[in-house]
Protein backbone atom coordinates (compact mmCIF):
# COMPACT_ATOMS: atom_id res chain seq x y z
CA MET A 1 92.10 116.48 93.45
CA SER A 2 94.24 119.47 92.26
CA MET A 3 94.85 121.61 89.91
CA LYS A 4 95.38 120.06 86.10
CA LYS A 5 97.36 121.43 83.09
CA THR A 6 95.72 120.86 80.00
CA ASN A 7 97.42 120.42 76.93
CA ARG A 8 96.89 123.81 75.92
CA GLY A 9 98.58 125.34 79.43
CA GLN A 10 95.44 126.29 81.04
CA THR A 11 95.15 125.22 84.38
CA VAL A 12 91.38 123.65 85.66
CA ASP A 13 90.33 123.04 89.18
CA MET A 14 88.83 119.43 89.28
CA SER A 15 87.78 119.52 92.52
CA SER A 16 85.74 122.49 92.33
CA LEU A 17 84.50 121.22 88.42
CA VAL A 18 83.15 118.07 90.41
CA LEU A 19 81.69 120.04 93.12
CA SER A 20 79.84 122.55 90.75
CA ASN A 21 78.08 119.55 88.90
CA GLU A 22 77.24 116.91 91.30
CA GLU A 23 73.81 118.18 91.24
CA THR A 24 73.45 118.30 87.05
CA VAL A 25 71.53 114.67 85.49
CA ALA A 26 73.94 112.04 84.51
CA VAL A 27 74.31 110.96 80.90
CA GLY A 28 72.76 107.95 80.39
CA ASN A 29 69.16 105.72 81.17
CA MET A 30 69.58 105.61 84.76
CA LYS A 31 68.05 108.52 86.10
CA VAL A 32 70.48 109.46 88.12
CA ASN A 33 72.98 112.84 88.95
CA ALA A 34 76.77 113.30 89.51
CA ARG A 35 76.27 112.11 92.91
CA GLY A 36 74.32 108.81 92.43
CA ASP A 37 70.86 109.97 93.83
CA GLN A 38 67.97 108.19 92.25
CA LEU A 39 66.26 111.42 90.56
CA ASP A 40 62.20 111.32 88.97
CA ALA A 41 61.55 112.82 85.87
CA ASP A 42 61.19 116.18 86.59
CA GLY A 43 64.76 115.88 87.89
CA ASN A 44 64.29 115.97 91.99
CA VAL A 45 65.54 113.77 94.13
CA VAL A 46 63.66 110.46 95.05
CA LYS A 47 66.31 108.58 97.10
CA THR A 48 70.05 109.59 98.02
CA LYS A 49 72.59 107.14 97.18
CA THR A 50 73.56 106.61 101.34
CA GLU A 51 69.12 105.93 101.50
CA GLN A 52 69.82 103.48 98.57
CA ALA A 53 72.74 101.87 100.13
CA GLN A 54 71.15 101.24 103.90
CA ALA A 55 68.16 99.51 102.52
CA TYR A 56 70.54 97.21 100.21
CA TYR A 57 72.38 95.92 103.41
CA GLN A 58 69.23 95.95 105.17
CA ASN A 59 67.59 92.97 102.44
CA ASN A 60 70.99 91.36 102.26
CA PRO A 61 72.69 91.23 105.14
CA LYS A 62 75.03 88.65 104.47
CA ALA A 63 76.20 91.39 102.03
CA ALA A 64 77.03 93.23 105.01
CA VAL A 65 81.03 93.69 105.89
CA LYS A 66 81.96 91.77 109.16
CA THR A 67 84.62 92.69 111.71
CA VAL A 68 86.61 89.31 112.55
CA SER A 69 89.99 89.03 114.35
CA ILE A 70 92.81 87.26 112.09
CA LYS A 71 94.50 86.23 115.40
CA ASP A 72 93.87 82.29 116.19
CA ALA A 73 91.82 81.71 119.53
CA VAL A 74 93.72 82.27 122.59
CA ASP A 75 94.55 77.94 124.19
CA VAL A 76 94.55 78.71 127.73
CA SER A 77 96.64 74.85 127.99
CA ALA A 78 99.12 76.59 125.84
CA THR A 79 99.59 79.50 127.89
CA LYS A 80 100.08 77.43 131.45
CA LYS A 81 102.63 75.25 130.00
CA MET A 82 104.58 78.83 129.02
CA GLU A 83 104.22 79.70 132.72
CA GLN A 84 106.19 76.53 133.81
CA PRO A 85 109.85 77.15 134.25
CA VAL A 86 112.05 75.63 131.35
CA ALA A 87 114.94 73.09 132.52
CA GLU A 88 118.35 74.46 132.11
CA LYS A 89 120.19 72.67 129.46
CA PRO A 90 123.16 70.76 130.66
CA LYS A 91 126.30 72.43 130.28
CA ALA A 92 128.89 70.29 127.10
CA THR A 93 132.21 69.44 128.95
CA LYS A 94 135.08 69.78 127.26
CA SER A 95 136.38 66.48 125.64
CA SER A 96 139.16 64.76 126.88
CA LYS A 97 141.51 64.43 123.71
CA PRO A 98 143.18 68.07 122.74
CA LYS A 99 142.99 68.77 119.20
CA ALA A 100 145.29 68.79 116.63
CA LYS A 101 146.95 72.46 116.28
CA GLN A 102 146.63 73.43 112.75
CA PRO A 103 149.38 74.93 111.00
CA LYS A 104 149.03 78.69 109.62
CA MET A 105 148.29 79.07 106.43
CA LYS A 106 149.34 81.94 103.54
CA GLU A 107 148.46 82.39 99.78
CA VAL A 108 151.18 82.85 97.53
CA GLU A 109 150.51 83.74 94.27
CA LEU A 110 152.13 81.82 91.46
CA PRO A 111 154.05 84.06 87.94
CA ASN A 112 150.84 82.02 86.20
CA GLY A 113 148.20 83.55 88.53
CA ASP A 114 147.28 80.64 90.51
CA ILE A 115 146.39 81.17 93.80
CA GLU A 116 148.54 78.58 96.41
CA LEU A 117 148.40 77.78 100.24
CA VAL A 118 151.18 77.60 101.73
CA GLU A 119 152.26 76.64 105.17
CA ASP A 120 153.44 80.03 107.09
CA THR A 121 156.77 79.64 108.74
CA GLU A 122 157.23 83.34 109.89
CA GLU A 123 156.16 84.07 113.27
């Protein structure tokens, strides 16, 4: 957090404000401080937030996060197939019939704005 400006133009350092009040008892009926530590009737810390979290995950092992790979398992037979040389494709031979030569075309604009393709006679 950083410096914030209020509506009246004063600057407030939010991070120092949070750090200075983390021991303060939070408003409500949970009996915790601003950090989340459990308090007794006198306001003394009974259990810290980290101790509470560790106890929860020891009692609920299914709630713990597992590290899992998102990659598929490697198939050994597939890798062996990949190592084999790939057969080359036969090259295409030229067809025996010659292709008809297409005449060059050019676009000509007509007076009404249409465009027409006309055979290009200039060489």
